[in-house]
Amino acid sequence: MSRISVRGIAVASATAVTTVGAVVGVASGSEPTAAASQPVEAADATLLDTIATGQQANAQAASFTEQAQTQQAEAQAAAQQAAAEAARQKAAAEAAAKKAAQEAAAAKAAAEKKAQEEEQSLQQTIDTSVSGIQALAQQIIGDSHQYQCFSWIVSRESGWNYQATNPSTGAYGLVQALPGDKMASAGSDWRTNPATQIKWGLSYMDSRYGSPCEAQSFWENNGWY
């Protein structure tokens, strides 16, 4: 028959009782030991850290949003200011252009009125005799040598008759312009005003030949000018 140690049985029994007591204690809702509460405290700390991190992120996002809104407002204000300045400059330029156009129109009207008055005054005092028209031509041409050449041509073209008309060609006036209404560029009174015919004839000779004397040279060589 084997021997059993009483002491060994006692130790085993004590261990079993402790284990069972622990199980029974947990099942009956008794307070957990310090070792059991440590994982809970660690989880709480992690949760608090997460909340703090989220709050910080939200604060940073709000700050970025505020900065973006401020920059946007500043950009809009700058754009509005630039647009207002551009509109002001445009309005000023348009006003200046309008004023310049009005001044130019007024100056043109004044010049036309003055020329018309001078023309009317001249016409009222024109002596339509041959000597009177010749004196008028001398006054308009100025240069005596060029006047002599001009007179040479007019004497052969019309005999100083400002109403002379070529029946076959229709050439008209002192210098026998063809057609006669070409002289309208010098004045609308080209039919009746010797001064207008003289001005047109002088301009024609200058532009086409260089001078009345050059026109005379051409006429002498060709029989016309």
Protein backbone atom coordinates (compact mmCIF):
# COMPACT_ATOMS: atom_id res chain seq x y z
CA MET A 1 0.00 0.00 0.00
CA SER A 2 1.38 3.47 -1.11
CA ARG A 3 2.00 6.34 1.25
CA ILE A 4 0.28 9.72 0.64
CA SER A 5 1.74 12.90 2.13
CA VAL A 6 -0.77 14.76 4.22
CA ARG A 7 1.14 18.02 3.71
CA GLY A 8 0.91 17.71 -0.07
CA ILE A 9 -2.84 17.26 0.13
CA ALA A 10 -3.15 20.35 2.28
CA VAL A 11 -1.19 22.54 -0.19
CA ALA A 12 -3.18 21.32 -3.15
CA SER A 13 -6.40 21.98 -1.32
CA ALA A 14 -5.36 25.52 -0.46
CA THR A 15 -4.49 26.31 -4.12
CA ALA A 16 -7.78 24.95 -5.33
CA VAL A 17 -9.70 27.00 -2.80
CA THR A 18 -7.86 30.19 -3.87
CA THR A 19 -8.57 29.55 -7.52
CA VAL A 20 -12.21 28.82 -6.93
CA GLY A 21 -12.52 31.87 -4.71
CA ALA A 22 -11.13 34.05 -7.46
CA VAL A 23 -13.55 32.64 -9.95
CA VAL A 24 -16.47 32.95 -7.59
CA GLY A 25 -15.45 36.53 -6.74
CA VAL A 26 -15.42 37.61 -10.41
CA ALA A 27 -18.71 35.86 -11.07
CA SER A 28 -20.36 37.48 -8.05
CA GLY A 29 -19.33 41.04 -9.18
CA SER A 30 -16.75 41.78 -6.53
CA GLU A 31 -14.15 44.59 -7.20
CA PRO A 32 -11.36 43.66 -9.63
CA THR A 33 -7.84 43.67 -8.47
CA ALA A 34 -5.38 46.50 -9.35
CA ALA A 35 -3.87 44.35 -12.07
CA ALA A 36 -7.26 44.00 -13.76
CA SER A 37 -7.93 47.80 -13.74
CA GLN A 38 -4.66 48.78 -15.44
CA PRO A 39 -5.81 48.02 -19.06
CA VAL A 40 -8.91 50.20 -18.52
CA GLU A 41 -6.84 53.19 -17.38
CA ALA A 42 -4.54 52.80 -20.42
CA ALA A 43 -7.55 52.78 -22.76
CA ASP A 44 -8.93 55.94 -21.13
CA ALA A 45 -5.60 57.72 -21.60
CA THR A 46 -5.49 56.73 -25.28
CA LEU A 47 -9.04 58.03 -25.79
CA LEU A 48 -8.18 61.36 -24.16
CA ASP A 49 -5.10 61.69 -26.37
CA THR A 50 -7.24 61.03 -29.45
CA ILE A 51 -9.79 63.64 -28.42
CA ALA A 52 -7.05 66.20 -27.74
CA THR A 53 -5.46 65.49 -31.13
CA GLY A 54 -8.84 65.91 -32.87
CA GLN A 55 -9.49 69.20 -31.09
CA GLN A 56 -6.07 70.47 -32.12
CA ALA A 57 -6.69 69.46 -35.74
CA ASN A 58 -10.06 71.22 -35.68
CA ALA A 59 -8.44 74.36 -34.29
CA GLN A 60 -5.78 74.32 -37.01
CA ALA A 61 -8.41 73.78 -39.71
CA ALA A 62 -10.43 76.71 -38.36
CA SER A 63 -7.28 78.87 -38.38
CA PHE A 64 -6.50 77.93 -41.99
CA THR A 65 -10.09 78.67 -42.99
CA GLU A 66 -9.96 82.06 -41.32
CA GLN A 67 -6.65 82.88 -43.04
CA ALA A 68 -8.06 81.83 -46.44
CA GLN A 69 -11.17 83.95 -45.90
CA THR A 70 -9.03 86.94 -44.91
CA GLN A 71 -6.81 86.56 -47.97
CA GLN A 72 -9.85 86.18 -50.21
CA ALA A 73 -11.41 89.33 -48.75
CA GLU A 74 -8.16 91.25 -49.27
CA ALA A 75 -7.90 90.01 -52.86
CA GLN A 76 -11.49 91.03 -53.58
CA ALA A 77 -10.89 94.46 -52.08
CA ALA A 78 -7.74 94.91 -54.17
CA ALA A 79 -9.58 93.79 -57.32
CA GLN A 80 -12.42 96.22 -56.65
CA GLN A 81 -9.97 99.04 -56.04
CA ALA A 82 -8.10 98.24 -59.28
CA ALA A 83 -11.38 98.08 -61.22
CA ALA A 84 -12.47 101.42 -59.77
CA GLU A 85 -9.14 103.03 -60.70
CA ALA A 86 -9.31 101.60 -64.22
CA ALA A 87 -12.86 102.92 -64.61
CA ARG A 88 -11.75 106.34 -63.37
CA GLN A 89 -8.85 106.47 -65.80
CA LYS A 90 -11.09 105.34 -68.67
CA ALA A 91 -13.66 107.99 -67.84
CA ALA A 92 -10.94 110.65 -67.65
CA ALA A 93 -9.49 109.58 -71.01
CA GLU A 94 -12.93 109.58 -72.63
CA ALA A 95 -13.66 113.02 -71.20
CA ALA A 96 -10.32 114.34 -72.47
CA ALA A 97 -10.91 112.86 -75.93
CA LYS A 98 -14.43 114.31 -76.04
CA LYS A 99 -13.13 117.72 -75.02
CA ALA A 100 -10.36 117.58 -77.64
CA ALA A 101 -12.88 116.58 -80.33
CA GLN A 102 -15.17 119.44 -79.33
CA GLU A 103 -12.29 121.90 -79.38
CA ALA A 104 -11.14 120.61 -82.79
CA ALA A 105 -14.67 120.87 -84.16
CA ALA A 106 -15.01 124.40 -82.78
CA ALA A 107 -11.63 125.41 -84.26
CA LYS A 108 -12.59 123.93 -87.64
CA ALA A 109 -15.93 125.73 -87.60
CA ALA A 110 -14.22 128.99 -86.67
CA ALA A 111 -11.64 128.57 -89.43
CA GLU A 112 -14.33 127.77 -92.00
CA LYS A 113 -16.36 130.77 -90.89
CA LYS A 114 -13.32 133.03 -91.10
CA ALA A 115 -12.42 131.72 -94.56
CA GLN A 116 -15.99 132.22 -95.72
CA GLU A 117 -16.05 135.75 -94.38
CA GLU A 118 -12.71 136.52 -96.03
CA GLU A 119 -13.95 135.04 -99.28
CA GLN A 120 -17.15 137.04 -99.14
CA SER A 121 -15.21 140.18 -98.29
CA LEU A 122 -12.77 139.55 -101.11
CA GLN A 123 -15.53 138.83 -103.58
CA GLN A 124 -17.34 142.01 -102.65
CA THR A 125 -14.23 144.04 -103.43
CA ILE A 126 -13.13 142.16 -106.57
CA ASP A 127 -12.66 144.22 -109.66
CA THR A 128 -13.60 141.85 -112.49
CA SER A 129 -11.94 143.94 -115.14
CA VAL A 130 -8.82 142.49 -116.73
CA SER A 131 -6.58 144.88 -114.80
CA GLY A 132 -8.45 144.14 -111.58
CA ILE A 133 -8.10 140.36 -112.00
CA GLN A 134 -4.42 140.73 -112.89
CA ALA A 135 -3.83 142.78 -109.74
CA LEU A 136 -5.65 140.11 -107.74
CA ALA A 137 -3.42 137.42 -109.27
CA GLN A 138 -0.29 139.40 -108.38
CA GLN A 139 -1.54 139.67 -104.79
CA ILE A 140 -2.29 135.94 -104.51
CA ILE A 141 0.89 134.65 -106.22
CA GLY A 142 3.29 137.13 -104.62
CA ASP A 143 6.43 136.21 -106.56
CA SER A 144 6.62 138.60 -109.50
CA HIS A 145 8.57 136.17 -111.69
CA GLN A 146 6.07 133.36 -111.12
CA TYR A 147 3.25 135.84 -111.72
CA GLN A 148 4.70 136.68 -115.14
CA CYS A 149 4.70 133.00 -116.06
CA PHE A 150 1.18 132.56 -114.72
CA SER A 151 0.03 135.62 -116.67
CA TRP A 152 1.67 134.26 -119.85
CA ILE A 153 -0.41 131.07 -119.61
CA VAL A 154 -3.69 132.78 -118.63
CA SER A 155 -3.37 135.29 -121.46
CA ARG A 156 -3.20 132.43 -123.98
CA GLU A 157 -5.82 130.23 -122.30
CA SER A 158 -8.60 132.73 -121.58
CA GLY A 159 -7.40 136.28 -122.21
CA TRP A 160 -8.06 136.94 -118.50
CA ASN A 161 -11.77 136.27 -118.91
CA TYR A 162 -12.87 134.41 -115.79
CA GLN A 163 -16.08 133.28 -117.56
CA ALA A 164 -14.36 131.99 -120.70
CA THR A 165 -15.79 128.66 -121.86
CA ASN A 166 -14.41 126.36 -124.55
CA PRO A 167 -17.46 125.34 -126.62
CA SER A 168 -15.94 122.06 -127.78
CA THR A 169 -14.37 120.74 -124.56
CA GLY A 170 -16.22 122.62 -121.82
CA ALA A 171 -12.98 123.93 -120.29
CA TYR A 172 -13.81 126.91 -118.11
CA GLY A 173 -12.32 129.98 -116.46
CA LEU A 174 -9.03 131.82 -116.42
CA VAL A 175 -6.86 128.70 -116.63
CA GLN A 176 -9.41 126.66 -118.63
CA ALA A 177 -9.89 123.88 -116.11
CA LEU A 178 -11.28 120.71 -117.69
CA PRO A 179 -13.85 119.99 -116.46
CA GLY A 180 -14.52 123.34 -114.87
CA ASP A 181 -15.96 121.89 -111.65
CA LYS A 182 -12.50 120.64 -110.74
CA MET A 183 -11.99 124.13 -109.36
CA ALA A 184 -14.63 123.41 -106.69
CA SER A 185 -11.77 122.05 -104.57
CA ALA A 186 -10.68 125.68 -104.15
CA GLY A 187 -14.15 127.05 -103.52
CA SER A 188 -17.80 126.52 -104.32
CA ASP A 189 -17.92 129.88 -106.10
CA TRP A 190 -15.50 128.77 -108.82
CA ARG A 191 -17.87 129.91 -111.61
CA THR A 192 -18.08 133.52 -110.50
CA ASN A 193 -15.00 134.27 -108.39
CA PRO A 194 -11.71 134.97 -110.21
CA ALA A 195 -9.82 134.60 -106.91
CA THR A 196 -11.00 131.00 -106.56
CA GLN A 197 -9.91 130.27 -110.15
CA ILE A 198 -6.50 131.86 -109.57
CA LYS A 199 -5.94 129.84 -106.39
CA TRP A 200 -6.90 126.61 -108.09
CA GLY A 201 -4.75 127.37 -111.17
CA LEU A 202 -1.71 128.18 -109.03
CA SER A 203 -2.17 124.99 -106.99
CA TYR A 204 -2.52 122.93 -110.20
CA MET A 205 0.67 124.36 -111.72
CA ASP A 206 2.64 123.88 -108.51
CA SER A 207 1.47 120.29 -107.94
CA ARG A 208 1.82 119.09 -111.53
CA TYR A 209 4.82 121.01 -112.81
CA GLY A 210 6.46 122.53 -109.75
CA SER A 211 5.69 126.18 -110.49
CA PRO A 212 3.92 128.44 -113.02
CA CYS A 213 7.24 128.96 -114.85
CA GLU A 214 7.74 125.18 -115.21
CA ALA A 215 4.16 124.98 -116.47
CA GLN A 216 4.98 127.69 -119.04
CA SER A 217 8.02 125.73 -120.25
CA PHE A 218 5.86 122.64 -120.74
CA TRP A 219 3.21 124.68 -122.57
CA GLU A 220 5.81 126.18 -124.92
CA ASN A 221 7.11 122.70 -125.77
CA ASN A 222 3.75 121.00 -126.12
CA GLY A 223 1.19 123.70 -126.88
CA TRP A 224 -0.85 122.82 -123.79
CA TYR A 225 -0.31 122.25 -120.09
